[in-house]
């Protein structure tokens, strides 16, 4: 189990990675309207059991206190069927799409 400080640092790294990869995807798709960067901004909300990562005003992911990353069913409701690794494996996924995509290992 990660210490609280290390966990929060890794969550902040994940939020930054989501933001950067989403901006990269927007650029590839030609989405460049004025203010499009705002729609890629992430925020972290810490709770008792889960930490939420939101993108713009929508929920994106939830991370439990052990560092497991999950998708959501609706805002604040974890979806355990959508498991996306742990905070130690964030570099194994592409986070810029609607759902994280596991990268191919070559």
PDB file of N, CA and C in Angstrom:
ATOM      1  N   UNK A   1       0.843  -1.190   0.000  1.00  0.00           N
ATOM      2  CA  UNK A   1       0.000   0.000   0.000  1.00  0.00           C
ATOM      3  C   UNK A   1       0.885   1.250   0.000  1.00  0.00           C
ATOM      4  N   UNK A   2       0.533   2.211  -0.831  1.00  0.00           N
ATOM      5  CA  UNK A   2       1.305   3.439  -0.948  1.00  0.00           C
ATOM      6  C   UNK A   2       1.018   4.381   0.207  1.00  0.00           C
ATOM      7  N   UNK A   3       2.014   5.167   0.588  1.00  0.00           N
ATOM      8  CA  UNK A   3       1.761   6.198   1.580  1.00  0.00           C
ATOM      9  C   UNK A   3       0.870   7.260   0.940  1.00  0.00           C
ATOM     10  N   UNK A   4       0.217   8.026   1.760  1.00  0.00           N
ATOM     11  CA  UNK A   4      -0.719   9.027   1.250  1.00  0.00           C
ATOM     12  C   UNK A   4      -0.023  10.033   0.340  1.00  0.00           C
ATOM     13  N   UNK A   5       1.160  10.470   0.702  1.00  0.00           N
ATOM     14  CA  UNK A   5       1.877  11.455  -0.111  1.00  0.00           C
ATOM     15  C   UNK A   5       2.254  10.884  -1.465  1.00  0.00           C
ATOM     16  N   UNK A   6       2.801   9.654  -1.490  1.00  0.00           N
ATOM     17  CA  UNK A   6       3.176   9.028  -2.757  1.00  0.00           C
ATOM     18  C   UNK A   6       1.949   8.782  -3.621  1.00  0.00           C
ATOM     19  N   UNK A   7       0.850   8.346  -2.990  1.00  0.00           N
ATOM     20  CA  UNK A   7      -0.380   8.085  -3.738  1.00  0.00           C
ATOM     21  C   UNK A   7      -0.891   9.365  -4.386  1.00  0.00           C
ATOM     22  N   UNK A   8      -0.907  10.455  -3.650  1.00  0.00           N
ATOM     23  CA  UNK A   8      -1.394  11.723  -4.197  1.00  0.00           C
ATOM     24  C   UNK A   8      -0.478  12.233  -5.302  1.00  0.00           C
ATOM     25  N   UNK A   9       0.822  12.037  -5.163  1.00  0.00           N
ATOM     26  CA  UNK A   9       1.753  12.449  -6.218  1.00  0.00           C
ATOM     27  C   UNK A   9       1.481  11.655  -7.485  1.00  0.00           C
ATOM     28  N   UNK A  10       1.268  10.343  -7.367  1.00  0.00           N
ATOM     29  CA  UNK A  10       0.998   9.507  -8.537  1.00  0.00           C
ATOM     30  C   UNK A  10      -0.355   9.848  -9.153  1.00  0.00           C
ATOM     31  N   UNK A  11      -1.338  10.192  -8.321  1.00  0.00           N
ATOM     32  CA  UNK A  11      -2.647  10.599  -8.835  1.00  0.00           C
ATOM     33  C   UNK A  11      -2.511  11.910  -9.613  1.00  0.00           C
ATOM     34  N   UNK A  12      -1.724  12.846  -9.102  1.00  0.00           N
ATOM     35  CA  UNK A  12      -1.494  14.104  -9.814  1.00  0.00           C
ATOM     36  C   UNK A  12      -0.766  13.853 -11.133  1.00  0.00           C
ATOM     37  N   UNK A  13       0.182  12.913 -11.141  1.00  0.00           N
ATOM     38  CA  UNK A  13       0.874  12.551 -12.385  1.00  0.00           C
ATOM     39  C   UNK A  13      -0.119  11.975 -13.389  1.00  0.00           C
ATOM     40  N   UNK A  14      -1.023  11.115 -12.917  1.00  0.00           N
ATOM     41  CA  UNK A  14      -2.041  10.528 -13.789  1.00  0.00           C
ATOM     42  C   UNK A  14      -2.949  11.616 -14.351  1.00  0.00           C
ATOM     43  N   UNK A  15      -3.378  12.540 -13.520  1.00  0.00           N
ATOM     44  CA  UNK A  15      -4.245  13.631 -13.986  1.00  0.00           C
ATOM     45  C   UNK A  15      -3.547  14.460 -15.055  1.00  0.00           C
ATOM     46  N   UNK A  16      -2.272  14.730 -14.872  1.00  0.00           N
ATOM     47  CA  UNK A  16      -1.500  15.484 -15.862  1.00  0.00           C
ATOM     48  C   UNK A  16      -1.368  14.690 -17.157  1.00  0.00           C
ATOM     49  N   UNK A  17      -1.117  13.395 -17.035  1.00  0.00           N
ATOM     50  CA  UNK A  17      -1.000  12.527 -18.208  1.00  0.00           C
ATOM     51  C   UNK A  17      -2.307  12.489 -18.998  1.00  0.00           C
ATOM     52  N   UNK A  18      -3.432  12.399 -18.298  1.00  0.00           N
ATOM     53  CA  UNK A  18      -4.745  12.413 -18.954  1.00  0.00           C
ATOM     54  C   UNK A  18      -4.929  13.712 -19.734  1.00  0.00           C
ATOM     55  N   UNK A  19      -4.595  14.818 -19.093  1.00  0.00           N
ATOM     56  CA  UNK A  19      -4.758  16.131 -19.726  1.00  0.00           C
ATOM     57  C   UNK A  19      -3.883  16.252 -20.981  1.00  0.00           C
ATOM     58  N   UNK A  20      -2.620  15.877 -20.876  1.00  0.00           N
ATOM     59  CA  UNK A  20      -1.698  15.989 -22.008  1.00  0.00           C
ATOM     60  C   UNK A  20      -2.090  15.073 -23.164  1.00  0.00           C
ATOM     61  N   UNK A  21      -2.454  13.827 -22.847  1.00  0.00           N
ATOM     62  CA  UNK A  21      -2.806  12.891 -23.915  1.00  0.00           C
ATOM     63  C   UNK A  21      -4.142  13.238 -24.557  1.00  0.00           C
ATOM     64  N   UNK A  22      -5.049  13.831 -23.806  1.00  0.00           N
ATOM     65  CA  UNK A  22      -6.323  14.269 -24.380  1.00  0.00           C
ATOM     66  C   UNK A  22      -6.079  15.444 -25.328  1.00  0.00           C
ATOM     67  N   UNK A  23      -5.237  16.387 -24.921  1.00  0.00           N
ATOM     68  CA  UNK A  23      -4.879  17.502 -25.808  1.00  0.00           C
ATOM     69  C   UNK A  23      -4.207  16.989 -27.081  1.00  0.00           C
ATOM     70  N   UNK A  24      -3.351  15.988 -26.928  1.00  0.00           N
ATOM     71  CA  UNK A  24      -2.680  15.385 -28.083  1.00  0.00           C
ATOM     72  C   UNK A  24      -3.693  14.753 -29.033  1.00  0.00           C
ATOM     73  N   UNK A  25      -4.684  14.053 -28.477  1.00  0.00           N
ATOM     74  CA  UNK A  25      -5.724  13.435 -29.310  1.00  0.00           C
ATOM     75  C   UNK A  25      -6.549  14.507 -30.018  1.00  0.00           C
ATOM     76  N   UNK A  26      -6.910  15.571 -29.300  1.00  0.00           N
ATOM     77  CA  UNK A  26      -7.664  16.662 -29.920  1.00  0.00           C
ATOM     78  C   UNK A  26      -6.903  17.233 -31.109  1.00  0.00           C
ATOM     79  N   UNK A  27      -5.585  17.435 -30.940  1.00  0.00           N
ATOM     80  CA  UNK A  27      -4.760  17.991 -32.012  1.00  0.00           C
ATOM     81  C   UNK A  27      -4.748  17.058 -33.218  1.00  0.00           C
ATOM     82  N   UNK A  28      -4.604  15.751 -32.984  1.00  0.00           N
ATOM     83  CA  UNK A  28      -4.600  14.767 -34.079  1.00  0.00           C
ATOM     84  C   UNK A  28      -5.934  14.744 -34.815  1.00  0.00           C
ATOM     85  N   UNK A  29      -7.026  14.950 -34.074  1.00  0.00           N
ATOM     86  CA  UNK A  29      -8.357  14.914 -34.677  1.00  0.00           C
ATOM     87  C   UNK A  29      -8.759  16.258 -35.266  1.00  0.00           C
ATOM     88  N   UNK A  30      -7.909  17.264 -35.135  1.00  0.00           N
ATOM     89  CA  UNK A  30      -8.202  18.572 -35.712  1.00  0.00           C
ATOM     90  C   UNK A  30      -9.143  19.412 -34.873  1.00  0.00           C
ATOM     91  N   UNK A  31      -9.276  19.095 -33.610  1.00  0.00           N
ATOM     92  CA  UNK A  31     -10.152  19.860 -32.719  1.00  0.00           C
ATOM     93  C   UNK A  31      -9.336  21.023 -32.167  1.00  0.00           C
ATOM     94  N   UNK A  32      -9.557  22.199 -32.721  1.00  0.00           N
ATOM     95  CA  UNK A  32      -8.748  23.364 -32.335  1.00  0.00           C
ATOM     96  C   UNK A  32      -9.590  24.623 -32.157  1.00  0.00           C
ATOM     97  N   UNK A  33     -10.864  24.480 -31.820  1.00  0.00           N
ATOM     98  CA  UNK A  33     -11.695  25.668 -31.625  1.00  0.00           C
ATOM     99  C   UNK A  33     -11.200  26.459 -30.414  1.00  0.00           C
ATOM    100  N   UNK A  34     -11.572  27.723 -30.352  1.00  0.00           N
ATOM    101  CA  UNK A  34     -11.140  28.601 -29.275  1.00  0.00           C
ATOM    102  C   UNK A  34     -11.609  28.039 -27.932  1.00  0.00           C
ATOM    103  N   UNK A  35     -10.692  27.856 -27.007  1.00  0.00           N
ATOM    104  CA  UNK A  35     -11.040  27.374 -25.676  1.00  0.00           C
ATOM    105  C   UNK A  35     -11.093  25.861 -25.541  1.00  0.00           C
ATOM    106  N   UNK A  36     -10.659  25.122 -26.567  1.00  0.00           N
ATOM    107  CA  UNK A  36     -10.737  23.667 -26.481  1.00  0.00           C
ATOM    108  C   UNK A  36      -9.868  23.110 -25.360  1.00  0.00           C
ATOM    109  N   UNK A  37      -8.836  23.854 -24.968  1.00  0.00           N
ATOM    110  CA  UNK A  37      -7.961  23.390 -23.890  1.00  0.00           C
ATOM    111  C   UNK A  37      -8.713  23.238 -22.572  1.00  0.00           C
ATOM    112  N   UNK A  38      -9.731  24.066 -22.384  1.00  0.00           N
ATOM    113  CA  UNK A  38     -10.520  24.010 -21.149  1.00  0.00           C
ATOM    114  C   UNK A  38     -11.208  22.653 -20.997  1.00  0.00           C
ATOM    115  N   UNK A  39     -11.587  22.059 -22.124  1.00  0.00           N
ATOM    116  CA  UNK A  39     -12.293  20.784 -22.082  1.00  0.00           C
ATOM    117  C   UNK A  39     -11.375  19.617 -21.763  1.00  0.00           C
ATOM    118  N   UNK A  40     -10.082  19.873 -21.682  1.00  0.00           N
ATOM    119  CA  UNK A  40      -9.103  18.829 -21.357  1.00  0.00           C
ATOM    120  C   UNK A  40      -8.568  18.960 -19.932  1.00  0.00           C
ATOM    121  N   UNK A  41      -8.945  20.018 -19.231  1.00  0.00           N
ATOM    122  CA  UNK A  41      -8.417  20.247 -17.895  1.00  0.00           C
ATOM    123  C   UNK A  41      -8.949  19.209 -16.923  1.00  0.00           C
ATOM    124  N   UNK A  42      -8.040  18.703 -16.090  1.00  0.00           N
ATOM    125  CA  UNK A  42      -8.424  17.709 -15.102  1.00  0.00           C
ATOM    126  C   UNK A  42      -8.427  18.322 -13.711  1.00  0.00           C
ATOM    127  N   UNK A  43      -9.183  17.704 -12.840  1.00  0.00           N
ATOM    128  CA  UNK A  43      -9.171  18.088 -11.434  1.00  0.00           C
ATOM    129  C   UNK A  43      -9.243  16.819 -10.593  1.00  0.00           C
ATOM    130  N   UNK A  44      -8.660  16.892  -9.414  1.00  0.00           N
ATOM    131  CA  UNK A  44      -8.610  15.746  -8.504  1.00  0.00           C
ATOM    132  C   UNK A  44      -9.444  16.084  -7.284  1.00  0.00           C
ATOM    133  N   UNK A  45     -10.345  15.170  -6.920  1.00  0.00           N
ATOM    134  CA  UNK A  45     -11.197  15.358  -5.747  1.00  0.00           C
ATOM    135  C   UNK A  45     -10.974  14.164  -4.815  1.00  0.00           C
ATOM    136  N   UNK A  46     -10.481  14.445  -3.623  1.00  0.00           N
ATOM    137  CA  UNK A  46     -10.134  13.397  -2.673  1.00  0.00           C
ATOM    138  C   UNK A  46     -11.333  13.100  -1.771  1.00  0.00           C
ATOM    139  N   UNK A  47     -11.646  11.809  -1.645  1.00  0.00           N
ATOM    140  CA  UNK A  47     -12.721  11.370  -0.771  1.00  0.00           C
ATOM    141  C   UNK A  47     -12.195  10.392   0.263  1.00  0.00           C
ATOM    142  N   UNK A  48     -13.087   9.876   1.101  1.00  0.00           N
ATOM    143  CA  UNK A  48     -12.680   8.937   2.140  1.00  0.00           C
ATOM    144  C   UNK A  48     -12.226   7.599   1.566  1.00  0.00           C
ATOM    145  N   UNK A  49     -13.003   7.034   0.640  1.00  0.00           N
ATOM    146  CA  UNK A  49     -12.697   5.727   0.057  1.00  0.00           C
ATOM    147  C   UNK A  49     -12.034   5.841  -1.303  1.00  0.00           C
ATOM    148  N   UNK A  50     -12.430   6.834  -2.086  1.00  0.00           N
ATOM    149  CA  UNK A  50     -11.968   6.965  -3.461  1.00  0.00           C
ATOM    150  C   UNK A  50     -11.530   8.388  -3.755  1.00  0.00           C
ATOM    151  N   UNK A  51     -10.589   8.498  -4.669  1.00  0.00           N
ATOM    152  CA  UNK A  51     -10.186   9.788  -5.212  1.00  0.00           C
ATOM    153  C   UNK A  51     -10.703   9.837  -6.645  1.00  0.00           C
ATOM    154  N   UNK A  52     -11.357  10.930  -6.996  1.00  0.00           N
ATOM    155  CA  UNK A  52     -11.934  11.074  -8.329  1.00  0.00           C
ATOM    156  C   UNK A  52     -11.037  11.952  -9.193  1.00  0.00           C
ATOM    157  N   UNK A  53     -10.896  11.552 -10.460  1.00  0.00           N
ATOM    158  CA  UNK A  53     -10.257  12.425 -11.444  1.00  0.00           C
ATOM    159  C   UNK A  53     -11.340  12.809 -12.443  1.00  0.00           C
ATOM    160  N   UNK A  54     -11.584  14.106 -12.532  1.00  0.00           N
ATOM    161  CA  UNK A  54     -12.580  14.638 -13.462  1.00  0.00           C
ATOM    162  C   UNK A  54     -11.853  15.312 -14.617  1.00  0.00           C
ATOM    163  N   UNK A  55     -12.484  15.268 -15.784  1.00  0.00           N
ATOM    164  CA  UNK A  55     -11.968  16.003 -16.928  1.00  0.00           C
ATOM    165  C   UNK A  55     -13.049  17.011 -17.302  1.00  0.00           C
ATOM    166  N   UNK A  56     -12.678  18.288 -17.263  1.00  0.00           N
ATOM    167  CA  UNK A  56     -13.616  19.391 -17.398  1.00  0.00           C
ATOM    168  C   UNK A  56     -14.655  19.252 -16.292  1.00  0.00           C
ATOM    169  N   UNK A  57     -15.912  19.039 -16.590  1.00  0.00           N
ATOM    170  CA  UNK A  57     -16.932  18.899 -15.548  1.00  0.00           C
ATOM    171  C   UNK A  57     -17.460  17.472 -15.446  1.00  0.00           C
ATOM    172  N   UNK A  58     -16.819  16.533 -16.133  1.00  0.00           N
ATOM    173  CA  UNK A  58     -17.297  15.147 -16.150  1.00  0.00           C
ATOM    174  C   UNK A  58     -16.362  14.231 -15.372  1.00  0.00           C
ATOM    175  N   UNK A  59     -16.935  13.216 -14.760  1.00  0.00           N
ATOM    176  CA  UNK A  59     -16.134  12.219 -14.079  1.00  0.00           C
ATOM    177  C   UNK A  59     -15.396  11.356 -15.086  1.00  0.00           C
ATOM    178  N   UNK A  60     -14.166  10.973 -14.769  1.00  0.00           N
ATOM    179  CA  UNK A  60     -13.362  10.155 -15.675  1.00  0.00           C
ATOM    180  C   UNK A  60     -12.975   8.834 -15.012  1.00  0.00           C
ATOM    181  N   UNK A  61     -12.345   8.912 -13.854  1.00  0.00           N
ATOM    182  CA  UNK A  61     -11.844   7.725 -13.172  1.00  0.00           C
ATOM    183  C   UNK A  61     -12.011   7.866 -11.669  1.00  0.00           C
ATOM    184  N   UNK A  62     -11.940   6.715 -10.992  1.00  0.00           N
ATOM    185  CA  UNK A  62     -11.900   6.711  -9.536  1.00  0.00           C
ATOM    186  C   UNK A  62     -10.780   5.775  -9.104  1.00  0.00           C
ATOM    187  N   UNK A  63     -10.056   6.185  -8.076  1.00  0.00           N
ATOM    188  CA  UNK A  63      -8.927   5.418  -7.569  1.00  0.00           C
ATOM    189  C   UNK A  63      -9.202   5.110  -6.101  1.00  0.00           C
ATOM    190  N   UNK A  64      -9.127   3.806  -5.755  1.00  0.00           N
ATOM    191  CA  UNK A  64      -9.346   3.458  -4.353  1.00  0.00           C
ATOM    192  C   UNK A  64      -8.081   3.740  -3.545  1.00  0.00           C
ATOM    193  N   UNK A  65      -8.170   3.587  -2.230  1.00  0.00           N
ATOM    194  CA  UNK A  65      -7.046   3.927  -1.360  1.00  0.00           C
ATOM    195  C   UNK A  65      -5.843   3.003  -1.540  1.00  0.00           C
ATOM    196  N   UNK A  66      -6.042   1.846  -2.178  1.00  0.00           N
ATOM    197  CA  UNK A  66      -4.922   0.939  -2.452  1.00  0.00           C
ATOM    198  C   UNK A  66      -4.212   1.295  -3.757  1.00  0.00           C
ATOM    199  N   UNK A  67      -4.759   2.219  -4.536  1.00  0.00           N
ATOM    200  CA  UNK A  67      -4.131   2.654  -5.770  1.00  0.00           C
ATOM    201  C   UNK A  67      -4.667   1.979  -7.021  1.00  0.00           C
ATOM    202  N   UNK A  68      -5.772   1.237  -6.923  1.00  0.00           N
ATOM    203  CA  UNK A  68      -6.409   0.606  -8.081  1.00  0.00           C
ATOM    204  C   UNK A  68      -7.247   1.637  -8.816  1.00  0.00           C
ATOM    205  N   UNK A  69      -7.170   1.626 -10.150  1.00  0.00           N
ATOM    206  CA  UNK A  69      -7.850   2.619 -10.982  1.00  0.00           C
ATOM    207  C   UNK A  69      -9.056   1.968 -11.663  1.00  0.00           C
ATOM    208  N   UNK A  70     -10.210   2.617 -11.553  1.00  0.00           N
ATOM    209  CA  UNK A  70     -11.449   2.095 -12.120  1.00  0.00           C
ATOM    210  C   UNK A  70     -12.164   3.171 -12.926  1.00  0.00           C
ATOM    211  N   UNK A  71     -12.985   2.727 -13.858  1.00  0.00           N
ATOM    212  CA  UNK A  71     -13.909   3.612 -14.541  1.00  0.00           C
ATOM    213  C   UNK A  71     -15.090   3.882 -13.614  1.00  0.00           C
ATOM    214  N   UNK A  72     -16.054   4.646 -14.118  1.00  0.00           N
ATOM    215  CA  UNK A  72     -17.227   4.955 -13.298  1.00  0.00           C
ATOM    216  C   UNK A  72     -18.503   4.558 -14.034  1.00  0.00           C
ATOM    217  N   UNK A  73     -19.542   4.219 -13.253  1.00  0.00           N
ATOM    218  CA  UNK A  73     -20.877   3.950 -13.822  1.00  0.00           C
ATOM    219  C   UNK A  73     -21.611   5.273 -13.987  1.00  0.00           C
ATOM    220  N   UNK A  74     -21.575   6.059 -12.948  1.00  0.00           N
ATOM    221  CA  UNK A  74     -22.105   7.417 -12.959  1.00  0.00           C
ATOM    222  C   UNK A  74     -21.255   8.193 -11.963  1.00  0.00           C
ATOM    223  N   UNK A  75     -21.443   9.481 -11.891  1.00  0.00           N
ATOM    224  CA  UNK A  75     -20.541  10.267 -11.060  1.00  0.00           C
ATOM    225  C   UNK A  75     -20.550   9.774  -9.613  1.00  0.00           C
ATOM    226  N   UNK A  76     -19.371   9.419  -9.127  1.00  0.00           N
ATOM    227  CA  UNK A  76     -19.232   8.959  -7.751  1.00  0.00           C
ATOM    228  C   UNK A  76     -19.521   7.490  -7.549  1.00  0.00           C
ATOM    229  N   UNK A  77     -19.848   6.763  -8.623  1.00  0.00           N
ATOM    230  CA  UNK A  77     -20.159   5.326  -8.518  1.00  0.00           C
ATOM    231  C   UNK A  77     -19.115   4.556  -9.315  1.00  0.00           C
ATOM    232  N   UNK A  78     -18.323   3.780  -8.601  1.00  0.00           N
ATOM    233  CA  UNK A  78     -17.227   3.029  -9.217  1.00  0.00           C
ATOM    234  C   UNK A  78     -17.760   1.870 -10.053  1.00  0.00           C
ATOM    235  N   UNK A  79     -17.050   1.547 -11.129  1.00  0.00           N
ATOM    236  CA  UNK A  79     -17.398   0.399 -11.968  1.00  0.00           C
ATOM    237  C   UNK A  79     -16.233  -0.590 -11.903  1.00  0.00           C
ATOM    238  N   UNK A  80     -16.351  -1.592 -11.052  1.00  0.00           N
ATOM    239  CA  UNK A  80     -15.260  -2.545 -10.851  1.00  0.00           C
ATOM    240  C   UNK A  80     -15.011  -3.412 -12.074  1.00  0.00           C
ATOM    241  N   UNK A  81     -15.935  -3.449 -13.018  1.00  0.00           N
ATOM    242  CA  UNK A  81     -15.731  -4.200 -14.260  1.00  0.00           C
ATOM    243  C   UNK A  81     -14.769  -3.466 -15.196  1.00  0.00           C
ATOM    244  N   UNK A  82     -14.575  -2.175 -14.973  1.00  0.00           N
ATOM    245  CA  UNK A  82     -13.661  -1.375 -15.787  1.00  0.00           C
ATOM    246  C   UNK A  82     -12.428  -1.047 -14.945  1.00  0.00           C
ATOM    247  N   UNK A  83     -11.520  -2.001 -14.885  1.00  0.00           N
ATOM    248  CA  UNK A  83     -10.293  -1.887 -14.100  1.00  0.00           C
ATOM    249  C   UNK A  83      -9.145  -1.496 -15.029  1.00  0.00           C
ATOM    250  N   UNK A  84      -8.385  -0.468 -14.650  1.00  0.00           N
ATOM    251  CA  UNK A  84      -7.318   0.038 -15.493  1.00  0.00           C
ATOM    252  C   UNK A  84      -5.978   0.037 -14.769  1.00  0.00           C
ATOM    253  N   UNK A  85      -5.652  -1.038 -14.106  1.00  0.00           N
ATOM    254  CA  UNK A  85      -4.355  -1.177 -13.455  1.00  0.00           C
ATOM    255  C   UNK A  85      -4.271  -0.411 -12.149  1.00  0.00           C
ATOM    256  N   UNK A  86      -3.036  -0.130 -11.774  1.00  0.00           N
ATOM    257  CA  UNK A  86      -2.777   0.577 -10.524  1.00  0.00           C
ATOM    258  C   UNK A  86      -2.001   1.861 -10.821  1.00  0.00           C
ATOM    259  N   UNK A  87      -1.771   2.620  -9.789  1.00  0.00           N
ATOM    260  CA  UNK A  87      -0.999   3.852  -9.949  1.00  0.00           C
ATOM    261  C   UNK A  87       0.442   3.557 -10.355  1.00  0.00           C
ATOM    262  N   UNK A  88       0.906   2.340 -10.119  1.00  0.00           N
ATOM    263  CA  UNK A  88       2.260   1.955 -10.538  1.00  0.00           C
ATOM    264  C   UNK A  88       2.331   1.582 -12.013  1.00  0.00           C
ATOM    265  N   UNK A  89       1.187   1.371 -12.661  1.00  0.00           N
ATOM    266  CA  UNK A  89       1.174   0.934 -14.063  1.00  0.00           C
ATOM    267  C   UNK A  89       0.552   1.972 -14.997  1.00  0.00           C
ATOM    268  N   UNK A  90       0.550   3.234 -14.603  1.00  0.00           N
ATOM    269  CA  UNK A  90      -0.125   4.249 -15.421  1.00  0.00           C
ATOM    270  C   UNK A  90       0.528   4.425 -16.780  1.00  0.00           C
ATOM    271  N   UNK A  91       1.814   4.139 -16.906  1.00  0.00           N
ATOM    272  CA  UNK A  91       2.495   4.307 -18.187  1.00  0.00           C
ATOM    273  C   UNK A  91       2.202   3.174 -19.158  1.00  0.00           C
ATOM    274  N   UNK A  92       1.464   2.165 -18.733  1.00  0.00           N
ATOM    275  CA  UNK A  92       1.088   1.055 -19.603  1.00  0.00           C
ATOM    276  C   UNK A  92      -0.221   1.319 -20.346  1.00  0.00           C
ATOM    277  N   UNK A  93      -0.823   2.488 -20.118  1.00  0.00           N
ATOM    278  CA  UNK A  93      -2.099   2.828 -20.737  1.00  0.00           C
ATOM    279  C   UNK A  93      -1.993   4.151 -21.481  1.00  0.00           C
ATOM    280  N   UNK A  94      -2.827   4.283 -22.507  1.00  0.00           N
ATOM    281  CA  UNK A  94      -3.021   5.562 -23.186  1.00  0.00           C
ATOM    282  C   UNK A  94      -4.292   6.161 -22.607  1.00  0.00           C
ATOM    283  N   UNK A  95      -4.186   7.335 -21.999  1.00  0.00           N
ATOM    284  CA  UNK A  95      -5.289   7.940 -21.248  1.00  0.00           C
ATOM    285  C   UNK A  95      -6.043   9.008 -22.019  1.00  0.00           C
ATOM    286  N   UNK A  96      -5.677   9.291 -23.259  1.00  0.00           N
ATOM    287  CA  UNK A  96      -6.247  10.412 -23.985  1.00  0.00           C
ATOM    288  C   UNK A  96      -7.584  10.146 -24.644  1.00  0.00           C
ATOM    289  N   UNK A  97      -8.029   8.900 -24.695  1.00  0.00           N
ATOM    290  CA  UNK A  97      -9.288   8.572 -25.342  1.00  0.00           C
ATOM    291  C   UNK A  97     -10.416   8.570 -24.307  1.00  0.00           C
ATOM    292  N   UNK A  98     -11.601   8.200 -24.752  1.00  0.00           N
ATOM    293  CA  UNK A  98     -12.752   8.203 -23.849  1.00  0.00           C
ATOM    294  C   UNK A  98     -12.565   7.191 -22.715  1.00  0.00           C
ATOM    295  N   UNK A  99     -11.989   6.036 -23.053  1.00  0.00           N
ATOM    296  CA  UNK A  99     -11.625   5.024 -22.061  1.00  0.00           C
ATOM    297  C   UNK A  99     -10.131   4.767 -22.198  1.00  0.00           C
ATOM    298  N   UNK A 100      -9.437   4.513 -21.094  1.00  0.00           N
ATOM    299  CA  UNK A 100      -8.012   4.188 -21.203  1.00  0.00           C
ATOM    300  C   UNK A 100      -7.809   2.937 -22.063  1.00  0.00           C
ATOM    301  N   UNK A 101      -6.728   2.943 -22.839  1.00  0.00           N
ATOM    302  CA  UNK A 101      -6.425   1.833 -23.733  1.00  0.00           C
ATOM    303  C   UNK A 101      -5.065   1.277 -23.342  1.00  0.00           C
ATOM    304  N   UNK A 102      -5.023  -0.033 -23.123  1.00  0.00           N
ATOM    305  CA  UNK A 102      -3.751  -0.693 -22.776  1.00  0.00           C
ATOM    306  C   UNK A 102      -2.823  -0.620 -23.980  1.00  0.00           C
ATOM    307  N   UNK A 103      -1.586  -0.167 -23.736  1.00  0.00           N
ATOM    308  CA  UNK A 103      -0.596  -0.073 -24.801  1.00  0.00           C
ATOM    309  C   UNK A 103      -0.062  -1.458 -25.140  1.00  0.00           C
ATOM    310  N   UNK A 104       0.262  -1.666 -26.393  1.00  0.00           N
ATOM    311  CA  UNK A 104       0.830  -2.939 -26.838  1.00  0.00           C
ATOM    312  C   UNK A 104       2.283  -3.018 -26.399  1.00  0.00           C
ATOM    313  N   UNK A 105       2.674  -4.157 -25.886  1.00  0.00           N
ATOM    314  CA  UNK A 105       4.061  -4.368 -25.504  1.00  0.00           C
ATOM    315  C   UNK A 105       4.781  -5.016 -26.680  1.00  0.00           C
ATOM    316  N   UNK A 106       5.848  -4.377 -27.118  1.00  0.00           N
ATOM    317  CA  UNK A 106       6.580  -4.886 -28.287  1.00  0.00           C
ATOM    318  C   UNK A 106       7.848  -5.574 -27.823  1.00  0.00           C
TER     319      UNK A 106
END
